[in-house]
N, C-alpha and C. Protein backbone atom coordinates (compact mmCIF):
# COMPACT_ATOMS: atom_id res chain seq x y z
N MET A 1 75.26 99.91 98.31
CA MET A 1 76.11 100.52 97.34
C MET A 1 77.38 101.28 97.86
N LEU A 2 78.46 100.89 97.36
CA LEU A 2 79.74 101.61 97.73
C LEU A 2 80.28 102.16 96.53
N TYR A 3 81.00 103.16 96.71
CA TYR A 3 81.95 103.92 95.83
C TYR A 3 83.23 103.90 96.40
N ILE A 4 84.06 103.61 95.39
CA ILE A 4 85.74 103.54 95.67
C ILE A 4 86.13 104.60 94.55
N ILE A 5 86.63 105.85 95.14
CA ILE A 5 87.50 106.73 94.27
C ILE A 5 88.91 106.68 94.56
N ASP A 6 89.76 106.27 93.60
CA ASP A 6 91.19 106.18 93.66
C ASP A 6 91.82 105.97 92.42
N ASP A 7 92.87 106.72 91.99
CA ASP A 7 93.39 106.78 90.53
C ASP A 7 94.53 105.61 90.24
N GLN A 8 94.59 104.91 91.55
CA GLN A 8 95.48 103.75 91.39
C GLN A 8 94.63 102.39 91.38
N LYS A 9 94.67 101.72 90.26
CA LYS A 9 93.97 100.29 90.24
C LYS A 9 94.45 99.47 91.38
N ASP A 10 95.82 99.22 91.60
CA ASP A 10 96.11 98.29 92.72
C ASP A 10 95.37 98.72 94.04
N SER A 11 95.34 100.09 94.28
CA SER A 11 94.68 100.36 95.47
C SER A 11 93.19 99.93 95.51
N ARG A 12 92.45 100.15 94.53
CA ARG A 12 91.27 100.02 94.45
C ARG A 12 90.91 98.52 94.56
N ASP A 13 91.73 97.75 94.04
CA ASP A 13 91.77 96.27 94.08
C ASP A 13 91.94 95.86 95.66
N ALA A 14 92.97 96.37 96.26
CA ALA A 14 93.28 96.15 97.70
C ALA A 14 92.07 96.60 98.67
N ILE A 15 91.47 97.71 98.38
CA ILE A 15 90.39 97.96 99.06
C ILE A 15 89.08 97.09 98.86
N LYS A 16 89.06 96.73 97.69
CA LYS A 16 87.77 95.53 97.46
C LYS A 16 88.06 94.46 98.11
N ARG A 17 89.45 93.99 98.21
CA ARG A 17 89.83 92.61 99.24
C ARG A 17 89.46 92.92 100.64
N MET A 18 89.89 94.37 101.06
CA MET A 18 89.68 94.34 102.55
C MET A 18 87.91 94.58 102.72
N ILE A 19 87.28 95.17 101.72
CA ILE A 19 85.99 95.00 102.13
C ILE A 19 85.34 93.77 102.10
N ALA A 20 85.91 92.85 101.35
CA ALA A 20 85.27 91.52 101.28
C ALA A 20 85.59 90.75 102.47
N SER A 21 86.85 91.07 103.03
CA SER A 21 87.24 90.31 104.44
C SER A 21 86.16 90.70 105.32
N THR A 22 85.62 91.82 105.30
CA THR A 22 84.68 92.29 106.71
C THR A 22 83.30 91.60 106.36
N GLY A 23 83.07 90.79 105.19
CA GLY A 23 81.76 90.16 105.01
C GLY A 23 80.71 90.88 104.32
N HIS A 24 81.09 92.21 104.09
CA HIS A 24 79.94 93.09 103.47
C HIS A 24 80.02 92.50 102.00
N LYS A 25 78.78 92.58 101.64
CA LYS A 25 78.47 91.98 100.18
C LYS A 25 77.91 92.96 99.24
N ALA A 26 77.75 94.19 99.75
CA ALA A 26 76.98 95.25 98.65
C ALA A 26 77.75 95.44 97.37
N ALA A 27 77.01 95.83 96.40
CA ALA A 27 77.69 96.13 95.15
C ALA A 27 78.69 97.37 95.14
N ILE A 28 79.94 97.33 94.69
CA ILE A 28 80.81 98.24 94.53
C ILE A 28 80.99 98.74 93.19
N SER A 29 80.99 100.25 93.15
CA SER A 29 81.46 100.93 91.88
C SER A 29 82.76 101.56 92.19
N GLU A 30 83.74 101.73 91.10
CA GLU A 30 84.84 102.27 91.44
C GLU A 30 85.22 103.21 90.27
N PHE A 31 85.92 104.14 90.62
CA PHE A 31 86.35 105.43 89.78
C PHE A 31 87.77 105.97 90.08
N SER A 32 88.27 106.48 88.96
CA SER A 32 89.68 107.04 88.93
C SER A 32 89.66 108.32 89.37
N TYR A 33 88.54 109.08 88.87
CA TYR A 33 88.59 110.50 89.07
C TYR A 33 87.16 110.92 89.79
N TYR A 34 87.22 112.16 90.34
CA TYR A 34 86.17 112.57 91.18
C TYR A 34 84.93 112.89 90.31
N ASP A 35 85.32 113.35 89.08
CA ASP A 35 84.07 113.86 88.26
C ASP A 35 83.23 112.63 87.91
N GLU A 36 83.98 111.48 87.69
CA GLU A 36 83.36 110.38 87.14
C GLU A 36 82.40 110.01 88.26
N ALA A 37 82.78 109.96 89.59
CA ALA A 37 81.81 109.81 90.56
C ALA A 37 80.74 110.60 90.94
N TRP A 38 81.00 111.86 90.53
CA TRP A 38 80.04 112.88 90.68
C TRP A 38 78.87 112.64 89.73
N HIS A 39 79.33 112.34 88.72
CA HIS A 39 78.18 112.09 87.55
C HIS A 39 77.38 110.72 87.77
N ALA A 40 77.94 109.86 88.54
CA ALA A 40 77.54 108.51 88.56
C ALA A 40 76.33 108.60 89.55
N MET A 41 76.43 109.54 90.44
CA MET A 41 75.67 109.95 91.70
C MET A 41 74.33 110.65 91.11
N ASP A 42 74.14 110.82 89.98
CA ASP A 42 72.81 111.19 89.45
C ASP A 42 72.10 109.87 89.17
N ARG A 43 72.82 108.77 89.00
CA ARG A 43 72.01 107.42 88.74
C ARG A 43 71.82 106.68 90.02
N GLU A 44 72.61 106.72 90.95
CA GLU A 44 72.45 105.90 92.28
C GLU A 44 73.39 106.41 93.34
N LEU A 45 72.99 106.76 94.42
CA LEU A 45 73.94 107.08 95.54
C LEU A 45 74.39 106.16 96.40
N PRO A 46 75.59 106.13 96.77
CA PRO A 46 76.47 105.10 97.60
C PRO A 46 75.91 105.42 98.88
N ASP A 47 75.84 104.31 99.73
CA ASP A 47 75.79 104.43 101.22
C ASP A 47 76.93 104.92 101.93
N VAL A 48 78.15 104.41 101.38
CA VAL A 48 79.49 104.74 101.84
C VAL A 48 80.34 104.91 100.62
N LEU A 49 81.23 106.13 100.78
CA LEU A 49 82.04 106.48 99.63
C LEU A 49 83.57 106.40 100.06
N ILE A 50 84.36 105.51 99.72
CA ILE A 50 85.86 105.64 100.04
C ILE A 50 86.49 106.36 99.12
N ILE A 51 87.40 107.17 99.65
CA ILE A 51 88.04 108.21 98.71
C ILE A 51 89.39 108.48 99.19
N GLU A 52 90.20 108.48 97.99
CA GLU A 52 91.78 109.05 98.14
C GLU A 52 91.60 110.39 97.88
N ILE A 53 92.05 111.14 98.81
CA ILE A 53 92.14 112.66 98.60
C ILE A 53 93.17 113.28 97.88
N GLY A 54 94.25 112.53 97.52
CA GLY A 54 95.43 112.76 96.76
C GLY A 54 95.26 112.32 95.32
N VAL A 55 94.05 112.12 94.79
CA VAL A 55 93.82 111.90 93.24
C VAL A 55 94.42 113.04 92.39
N ARG A 56 95.34 112.69 91.48
CA ARG A 56 95.92 113.67 90.63
C ARG A 56 94.77 114.39 89.82
N ASN A 57 95.18 115.83 89.52
CA ASN A 57 94.05 116.67 88.63
C ASN A 57 92.71 116.74 89.42
N GLY A 58 92.71 116.79 90.82
CA GLY A 58 91.42 116.97 91.48
C GLY A 58 91.61 117.73 92.98
N ASN A 59 90.61 117.98 93.38
CA ASN A 59 90.60 118.60 94.68
C ASN A 59 89.74 117.67 95.69
N GLY A 60 90.31 116.63 96.35
CA GLY A 60 89.44 115.76 97.25
C GLY A 60 88.75 116.46 98.23
N MET A 61 89.32 117.32 98.80
CA MET A 61 88.74 118.12 99.95
C MET A 61 87.38 118.92 99.46
N GLU A 62 87.47 119.42 98.30
CA GLU A 62 86.40 120.32 97.58
C GLU A 62 85.29 119.13 97.28
N PHE A 63 85.90 118.22 96.68
CA PHE A 63 84.73 117.07 96.28
C PHE A 63 83.95 116.62 97.49
N ILE A 64 84.69 116.44 98.65
CA ILE A 64 83.91 116.10 99.69
C ILE A 64 82.89 116.86 100.18
N ARG A 65 83.45 118.25 100.23
CA ARG A 65 82.56 119.39 100.71
C ARG A 65 81.42 119.56 99.70
N LYS A 66 81.43 119.54 98.61
CA LYS A 66 80.44 119.85 97.67
C LYS A 66 79.53 118.41 97.57
N MET A 67 80.06 117.35 97.62
CA MET A 67 79.22 116.15 97.60
C MET A 67 78.42 116.07 98.83
N ARG A 68 78.86 116.60 100.02
CA ARG A 68 78.15 116.35 101.31
C ARG A 68 77.17 117.14 101.33
N LEU A 69 77.13 118.74 100.70
CA LEU A 69 76.21 119.70 100.71
C LEU A 69 75.07 119.04 99.76
N GLN A 70 75.30 118.23 98.81
CA GLN A 70 74.36 117.99 97.87
C GLN A 70 73.82 116.45 98.21
N HIS A 71 74.44 115.62 98.78
CA HIS A 71 73.99 114.29 99.38
C HIS A 71 74.45 114.21 100.75
N PRO A 72 73.93 114.73 101.55
CA PRO A 72 74.18 114.61 103.17
C PRO A 72 74.15 113.11 103.75
N ASP A 73 73.45 112.29 103.23
CA ASP A 73 73.30 111.04 103.81
C ASP A 73 74.40 110.01 103.55
N VAL A 74 75.16 110.44 102.43
CA VAL A 74 76.30 109.61 101.98
C VAL A 74 77.43 109.76 103.09
N ARG A 75 77.99 108.63 103.52
CA ARG A 75 79.02 108.45 104.51
C ARG A 75 80.27 108.39 103.96
N VAL A 76 81.43 109.11 104.29
CA VAL A 76 82.51 109.32 103.68
C VAL A 76 83.80 108.81 104.32
N LEU A 77 84.53 108.04 103.99
CA LEU A 77 85.51 107.51 104.56
C LEU A 77 86.95 107.74 103.72
N VAL A 78 87.68 108.67 104.42
CA VAL A 78 89.09 108.85 103.68
C VAL A 78 90.02 107.83 103.76
N PHE A 79 90.39 107.25 102.74
CA PHE A 79 91.73 106.04 102.85
C PHE A 79 92.67 106.74 101.95
N THR A 80 93.74 107.01 102.25
CA THR A 80 94.70 107.92 101.82
C THR A 80 96.13 107.78 102.22
N HIS A 81 96.91 108.10 101.25
CA HIS A 81 98.67 108.39 101.70
C HIS A 81 98.90 109.55 102.49
N GLN A 82 97.88 110.54 102.23
CA GLN A 82 98.03 111.77 102.93
C GLN A 82 98.06 111.80 104.43
N ASP A 83 99.42 112.37 104.86
CA ASP A 83 99.49 112.36 106.38
C ASP A 83 98.29 112.84 107.25
N GLU A 84 97.85 111.98 108.11
CA GLU A 84 96.71 112.31 108.98
C GLU A 84 96.89 113.50 109.93
N THR A 85 98.23 113.63 110.30
CA THR A 85 98.32 114.76 111.29
C THR A 85 98.16 116.03 110.63
N LEU A 86 98.23 116.04 109.25
CA LEU A 86 98.15 117.35 108.57
C LEU A 86 96.58 117.57 107.88
N TYR A 87 95.94 116.39 107.64
CA TYR A 87 94.73 116.47 106.82
C TYR A 87 93.44 115.93 107.41
N ALA A 88 93.55 115.15 108.69
CA ALA A 88 92.56 114.52 109.02
C ALA A 88 91.44 115.57 109.64
N GLU A 89 91.82 116.45 110.30
CA GLU A 89 90.74 117.31 111.08
C GLU A 89 90.24 118.24 109.94
N ARG A 90 90.98 118.55 108.91
CA ARG A 90 90.67 119.31 107.88
C ARG A 90 89.35 118.64 106.86
N ALA A 91 89.67 117.32 106.66
CA ALA A 91 88.77 116.21 106.17
C ALA A 91 87.41 116.19 106.98
N LEU A 92 87.63 116.16 108.14
CA LEU A 92 86.53 115.98 108.93
C LEU A 92 85.57 117.33 108.89
N ARG A 93 86.18 118.40 108.90
CA ARG A 93 85.45 119.74 108.87
C ARG A 93 84.93 120.05 107.61
N VAL A 94 85.30 119.33 106.32
CA VAL A 94 84.43 119.61 105.17
C VAL A 94 83.49 118.33 105.03
N GLY A 95 83.40 117.45 106.00
CA GLY A 95 82.51 116.43 105.87
C GLY A 95 82.50 114.91 105.95
N ALA A 96 83.85 114.55 105.82
CA ALA A 96 84.17 113.18 106.08
C ALA A 96 83.83 112.68 107.49
N HIS A 97 83.51 111.53 107.46
CA HIS A 97 83.13 110.66 108.68
C HIS A 97 84.31 109.80 109.39
N GLY A 98 85.23 109.78 108.59
CA GLY A 98 86.46 108.86 108.85
C GLY A 98 87.65 109.15 108.11
N TYR A 99 88.79 109.01 108.93
CA TYR A 99 90.06 108.98 108.07
C TYR A 99 90.98 107.83 108.38
N LEU A 100 91.56 107.33 107.48
CA LEU A 100 92.50 106.33 107.66
C LEU A 100 93.67 106.22 106.52
N MET A 101 94.83 106.08 107.04
CA MET A 101 95.91 106.10 106.11
C MET A 101 96.17 104.65 105.66
N LYS A 102 96.69 104.66 104.39
CA LYS A 102 96.78 103.41 103.74
C LYS A 102 97.80 102.38 104.21
N GLN A 103 98.71 102.99 105.34
CA GLN A 103 99.49 102.11 105.86
C GLN A 103 98.88 101.28 107.04
N ALA A 104 97.65 101.37 107.21
CA ALA A 104 96.66 100.83 108.33
C ALA A 104 96.77 99.30 108.04
N THR A 105 96.51 98.58 109.17
CA THR A 105 96.32 97.15 108.92
C THR A 105 94.88 96.82 108.50
N GLN A 106 94.73 95.44 108.03
CA GLN A 106 93.44 95.06 107.65
C GLN A 106 92.53 95.21 108.71
N ALA A 107 92.93 94.82 109.92
CA ALA A 107 92.07 95.06 111.28
C ALA A 107 91.70 96.46 111.37
N GLU A 108 92.52 97.46 111.14
CA GLU A 108 92.18 98.84 111.28
C GLU A 108 91.13 99.41 110.35
N PHE A 109 91.28 98.76 109.06
CA PHE A 109 90.41 99.13 108.00
C PHE A 109 89.00 98.71 108.37
N ARG A 110 89.10 97.37 108.76
CA ARG A 110 87.70 96.79 109.29
C ARG A 110 86.99 97.53 110.36
N GLU A 111 87.62 98.02 111.16
CA GLU A 111 87.13 98.83 112.27
C GLU A 111 86.72 100.10 111.72
N ALA A 112 87.40 100.70 110.83
CA ALA A 112 87.03 102.15 110.41
C ALA A 112 85.80 101.91 109.30
N PHE A 113 85.82 100.78 108.41
CA PHE A 113 84.68 100.70 107.52
C PHE A 113 83.46 100.38 108.33
N LEU A 114 83.39 99.33 109.28
CA LEU A 114 82.29 98.99 110.10
C LEU A 114 81.76 99.88 110.95
N SER A 115 82.73 100.96 111.38
CA SER A 115 82.36 102.05 112.09
C SER A 115 81.45 103.06 111.27
N LEU A 116 81.81 103.38 110.03
CA LEU A 116 80.88 104.17 109.25
C LEU A 116 79.77 103.39 108.71
N MET A 117 79.74 101.98 108.38
CA MET A 117 78.55 101.36 108.09
C MET A 117 77.50 101.37 109.22
N ARG A 118 77.90 101.47 110.50
CA ARG A 118 76.93 101.53 111.52
C ARG A 118 76.54 103.10 111.93
N GLY A 119 77.20 104.04 111.32
CA GLY A 119 76.67 105.29 111.67
C GLY A 119 77.52 106.06 112.43
N ASP A 120 78.79 105.50 112.81
CA ASP A 120 79.80 106.14 113.66
C ASP A 120 80.81 106.84 112.88
N TYR A 121 81.72 107.57 113.56
CA TYR A 121 82.78 108.23 113.07
C TYR A 121 84.04 107.37 113.38
N TYR A 122 85.22 107.51 112.52
CA TYR A 122 86.52 106.85 112.88
C TYR A 122 87.48 107.77 112.69
N VAL A 123 88.55 107.81 113.39
CA VAL A 123 89.85 108.35 113.43
C VAL A 123 90.95 107.70 114.24
N SER A 124 92.01 107.63 114.04
CA SER A 124 93.13 107.11 114.74
C SER A 124 93.29 107.43 116.17
N PRO A 125 93.69 106.78 117.17
CA PRO A 125 93.83 107.31 118.53
C PRO A 125 94.66 108.56 118.42
N LEU A 126 95.74 108.78 117.67
CA LEU A 126 96.57 109.88 117.45
C LEU A 126 95.61 111.01 117.11
N ILE A 127 94.78 111.03 116.18
CA ILE A 127 93.95 112.08 115.87
C ILE A 127 93.11 112.63 116.89
N GLU A 128 92.38 111.44 117.48
CA GLU A 128 91.59 111.75 118.39
C GLU A 128 92.08 112.61 119.55
N GLU A 129 93.26 112.04 119.84
CA GLU A 129 93.86 112.90 121.16
C GLU A 129 94.17 114.34 120.66
N LYS A 130 94.68 114.62 119.36
CA LYS A 130 94.93 115.67 118.80
C LYS A 130 93.65 116.67 118.78
N ILE A 131 92.65 116.25 118.37
CA ILE A 131 91.40 116.93 118.50
C ILE A 131 90.94 117.42 119.68
N MET A 132 91.17 116.42 120.64
CA MET A 132 90.66 116.61 122.00
C MET A 132 91.77 117.78 122.70
N ARG A 133 93.01 117.83 122.29
CA ARG A 133 93.88 118.73 122.69
C ARG A 133 93.40 120.02 122.39
N GLY A 134 93.04 120.04 120.89
CA GLY A 134 92.64 121.36 120.52
C GLY A 134 91.45 121.93 121.24
N ILE A 135 90.30 121.04 121.43
CA ILE A 135 89.23 121.28 122.09
C ILE A 135 89.45 121.89 123.72
N ALA A 136 90.44 121.38 124.05
CA ALA A 136 90.99 121.74 125.50
C ALA A 136 91.53 122.99 125.57
N GLY A 137 92.05 123.53 124.55
CA GLY A 137 92.77 124.76 124.36
C GLY A 137 94.22 124.62 124.68
N GLN A 138 94.82 123.47 124.25
CA GLN A 138 96.17 123.25 124.50
C GLN A 138 97.12 123.33 123.39
N GLU A 139 96.67 123.87 122.39
CA GLU A 139 97.31 124.01 120.96
C GLU A 139 97.99 125.42 120.71
N GLY A 140 97.98 126.22 122.02
CA GLY A 140 98.61 127.47 121.87
C GLY A 140 97.81 128.54 121.07
N VAL A 141 96.79 129.06 122.00
CA VAL A 141 95.77 129.99 121.57
C VAL A 141 96.20 131.28 120.79
N ASP A 142 97.72 131.71 121.18
CA ASP A 142 98.25 132.87 120.56
C ASP A 142 98.90 132.65 119.40
N GLU A 143 99.02 131.43 118.82
CA GLU A 143 99.81 131.36 117.73
C GLU A 143 98.88 130.98 116.34
N VAL A 144 99.37 131.34 115.26
CA VAL A 144 98.44 131.15 114.09
C VAL A 144 98.60 129.83 113.67
N ASN A 145 97.66 128.99 113.68
CA ASN A 145 97.55 127.65 113.25
C ASN A 145 97.50 127.54 111.68
N PRO A 146 98.51 126.92 110.95
CA PRO A 146 98.44 126.79 109.52
C PRO A 146 97.41 126.02 108.99
N GLU A 147 96.84 125.01 109.97
CA GLU A 147 95.80 124.28 109.43
C GLU A 147 94.54 124.88 109.43
N GLN A 148 94.21 125.87 110.09
CA GLN A 148 93.02 126.65 110.24
C GLN A 148 93.02 127.83 109.36
N VAL A 149 94.13 128.47 108.98
CA VAL A 149 93.93 129.65 108.13
C VAL A 149 94.60 129.21 106.78
N LEU A 150 95.17 128.36 106.38
CA LEU A 150 95.80 128.26 104.88
C LEU A 150 94.71 127.32 104.19
N SER A 151 94.56 127.62 102.96
CA SER A 151 93.89 126.77 101.91
C SER A 151 94.48 125.18 101.91
N ASN A 152 93.68 124.46 101.24
CA ASN A 152 94.26 123.16 101.07
C ASN A 152 95.58 123.02 100.25
N ARG A 153 95.55 123.92 99.15
CA ARG A 153 96.82 124.00 98.31
C ARG A 153 97.92 124.70 99.12
N GLU A 154 97.58 125.75 99.83
CA GLU A 154 98.52 126.73 100.66
C GLU A 154 99.19 125.71 101.73
N LEU A 155 98.46 124.81 102.23
CA LEU A 155 98.88 123.88 103.45
C LEU A 155 99.76 122.91 102.56
N GLU A 156 99.42 122.54 101.63
CA GLU A 156 100.25 121.23 100.86
C GLU A 156 101.44 121.96 100.62
N ILE A 157 101.61 123.23 99.97
CA ILE A 157 102.83 123.99 99.59
C ILE A 157 103.73 124.24 100.79
N PHE A 158 103.07 124.65 102.08
CA PHE A 158 103.72 124.85 103.31
C PHE A 158 104.37 123.77 103.71
N VAL A 159 103.76 122.50 103.69
CA VAL A 159 104.59 121.30 104.18
C VAL A 159 105.74 121.04 103.34
N LYS A 160 105.62 121.20 102.04
CA LYS A 160 106.74 120.92 101.07
C LYS A 160 107.99 122.04 101.45
N ILE A 161 107.53 123.19 101.65
CA ILE A 161 108.62 124.31 102.10
C ILE A 161 109.32 123.66 103.32
N GLY A 162 108.46 123.37 104.18
CA GLY A 162 109.18 122.63 105.56
C GLY A 162 109.93 121.24 105.15
N GLU A 163 109.91 120.85 104.28
CA GLU A 163 110.58 119.69 103.69
C GLU A 163 111.76 120.00 103.02
N GLY A 164 112.02 121.21 102.70
CA GLY A 164 113.24 121.80 102.15
C GLY A 164 113.16 121.93 100.64
N LEU A 165 111.95 121.80 100.01
CA LEU A 165 111.78 121.85 98.46
C LEU A 165 111.91 123.46 97.93
N SER A 166 112.49 123.65 97.10
CA SER A 166 112.37 124.97 96.35
C SER A 166 111.14 125.12 95.61
N SER A 167 110.84 126.29 95.36
CA SER A 167 109.45 126.67 94.47
C SER A 167 109.47 125.75 93.27
N ARG A 168 110.74 125.72 92.47
CA ARG A 168 110.70 124.96 91.24
C ARG A 168 110.39 123.53 91.48
N GLU A 169 110.97 123.02 92.55
CA GLU A 169 110.67 121.42 92.87
C GLU A 169 109.30 121.26 93.36
N ILE A 170 108.74 122.41 93.83
CA ILE A 170 107.27 122.27 94.36
C ILE A 170 106.33 122.19 93.20
N ALA A 171 106.80 123.17 92.12
CA ALA A 171 105.85 123.41 90.96
C ALA A 171 106.01 122.10 90.15
N GLU A 172 107.06 121.37 90.16
CA GLU A 172 107.19 120.07 89.29
C GLU A 172 106.55 118.99 90.06
N GLN A 173 106.49 118.88 91.25
CA GLN A 173 105.65 117.81 92.08
C GLN A 173 104.18 118.12 91.79
N LEU A 174 103.74 119.24 91.88
CA LEU A 174 102.21 119.57 91.87
C LEU A 174 101.74 119.90 90.67
N HIS A 175 102.66 119.86 89.53
CA HIS A 175 102.09 120.06 88.28
C HIS A 175 101.55 121.68 88.29
N LEU A 176 102.48 122.51 88.85
CA LEU A 176 102.02 124.03 88.90
C LEU A 176 103.13 124.79 88.05
N SER A 177 102.78 125.95 87.83
CA SER A 177 103.97 126.95 87.33
C SER A 177 104.69 127.32 88.62
N VAL A 178 105.76 127.88 88.42
CA VAL A 178 106.63 128.40 89.40
C VAL A 178 105.92 129.75 90.01
N LYS A 179 105.46 130.45 89.04
CA LYS A 179 104.89 131.76 89.36
C LYS A 179 103.54 131.35 90.33
N THR A 180 102.77 130.46 90.02
CA THR A 180 101.72 130.12 91.01
C THR A 180 102.10 129.72 92.35
N VAL A 181 103.29 128.90 92.30
CA VAL A 181 103.90 128.53 93.56
C VAL A 181 104.23 129.88 94.45
N GLU A 182 104.98 130.87 93.81
CA GLU A 182 105.31 132.01 94.42
C GLU A 182 104.21 132.77 94.71
N THR A 183 103.24 132.80 94.22
CA THR A 183 101.94 133.52 94.48
C THR A 183 101.24 132.96 96.04
N HIS A 184 101.42 131.37 96.01
CA HIS A 184 100.78 130.77 97.00
C HIS A 184 101.90 131.08 98.38
N ARG A 185 103.18 131.10 97.96
CA ARG A 185 104.09 131.47 99.21
C ARG A 185 103.69 132.85 99.68
N ALA A 186 103.73 133.81 98.84
CA ALA A 186 103.11 135.21 99.22
C ALA A 186 101.93 135.31 100.01
N HIS A 187 100.94 134.31 99.66
CA HIS A 187 99.64 134.52 100.46
C HIS A 187 99.86 133.63 101.77
N ILE A 188 100.83 132.66 101.88
CA ILE A 188 101.16 132.08 103.09
C ILE A 188 101.66 132.95 104.12
N LYS A 189 102.65 133.69 103.79
CA LYS A 189 103.35 134.48 104.36
C LYS A 189 102.55 135.61 104.91
N ARG A 190 101.57 136.17 104.10
CA ARG A 190 100.62 137.08 104.87
C ARG A 190 99.71 136.48 105.84
N LYS A 191 99.15 135.29 105.37
CA LYS A 191 98.23 134.57 106.28
C LYS A 191 98.92 134.53 107.84
N LEU A 192 100.23 134.10 107.85
CA LEU A 192 100.72 133.63 108.96
C LEU A 192 101.61 134.74 109.40
N ASN A 193 101.67 135.93 109.03
CA ASN A 193 102.38 137.03 109.51
C ASN A 193 103.66 136.82 109.51
N ILE A 194 104.37 136.15 108.46
CA ILE A 194 105.80 136.07 108.16
C ILE A 194 106.27 137.04 107.35
N ARG A 195 107.43 137.55 107.66
CA ARG A 195 107.89 138.95 107.01
C ARG A 195 108.95 138.42 105.76
N SER A 196 109.78 137.51 105.91
CA SER A 196 110.64 137.08 105.04
C SER A 196 110.52 135.60 104.47
N ALA A 197 111.02 135.45 103.40
CA ALA A 197 111.28 134.12 102.89
C ALA A 197 112.04 133.24 103.74
N ARG A 198 113.24 133.62 104.23
CA ARG A 198 113.89 132.81 105.26
C ARG A 198 113.10 132.39 106.46
N ASP A 199 112.22 133.33 107.15
CA ASP A 199 111.52 133.08 108.26
C ASP A 199 110.49 132.08 107.71
N LEU A 200 109.98 132.33 106.48
CA LEU A 200 108.82 131.23 106.16
C LEU A 200 109.48 129.69 106.12
N VAL A 201 110.76 129.71 105.44
CA VAL A 201 111.45 128.29 105.48
C VAL A 201 111.51 127.76 106.92
N GLN A 202 112.00 128.61 107.72
CA GLN A 202 112.37 128.18 109.13
C GLN A 202 111.08 127.77 109.87
N GLN A 203 110.06 128.69 109.71
CA GLN A 203 108.78 128.40 110.55
C GLN A 203 108.08 127.14 109.71
N ALA A 204 108.16 126.86 108.54
CA ALA A 204 107.55 125.56 107.88
C ALA A 204 108.34 124.45 108.34
N HIS A 205 109.54 124.64 108.37
CA HIS A 205 110.35 123.48 108.91
C HIS A 205 110.05 123.12 110.28
N GLU A 206 109.95 124.03 111.16
CA GLU A 206 109.66 123.74 112.53
C GLU A 206 108.12 123.18 112.75
N TRP A 207 107.40 123.53 111.90
CA TRP A 207 105.86 123.17 112.05
C TRP A 207 105.93 121.73 111.54
N VAL A 208 106.37 121.51 110.37
CA VAL A 208 106.61 120.05 109.75
C VAL A 208 107.20 119.21 110.72
N SER A 209 108.31 119.64 111.33
CA SER A 209 109.01 118.78 112.42
C SER A 209 108.13 118.39 113.41
N HIS A 210 107.36 119.43 113.91
CA HIS A 210 106.33 119.24 115.22
C HIS A 210 105.34 118.26 114.56
N ALA A 211 104.64 118.35 113.45
CA ALA A 211 103.64 117.78 113.06
C ALA A 211 103.96 116.31 112.71
N TYR A 212 105.15 115.86 112.46
CA TYR A 212 105.57 114.58 111.90
C TYR A 212 106.23 113.98 113.32
N ALA A 213 106.42 114.77 114.35
CA ALA A 213 106.97 114.10 115.76
C ALA A 213 106.14 112.92 116.17
């Protein structure tokens, strides 16, 4: 049994076609929201769960963390629009077994999917190198790494600050109040030891530029 969680029907249909191309013939259940999949697990657990962590009105990372605590045998492939340089390591830390962006080729999807089916992990060569650099201590041990100290929402807002968005624009995109965004900005400044709003914008821009380089 396979689960697909994605709030876009076109994406779910594309995933089913790619699964079919691997020759895998297990039954597939598809869901638009995390809570739907969560309740379905009371009836039948999937062998592999393919999840978009950017589903609206939900927290994909928290869903993976909670689901893996309750059902540790379920293998999780994140298949998402969310940039791997920002979120892949975080997804692996909360329990995912693989991370693949939706720009991937069918051959890459096949490799990722079959890796999980046989009990292995999958990340792109770029992320594998990034993880190894971190293990080797080449990421700058004296610097505060936003990926390590910020919550998922804080990191999302930090990235948007680095992309040049105002608090109001961020609030509109994330369906939050401006006050909530401003509260997150204050928490980000405290966690990253940033004194001013100007320094926050500059540091966020520099970090995003490096992450996407």
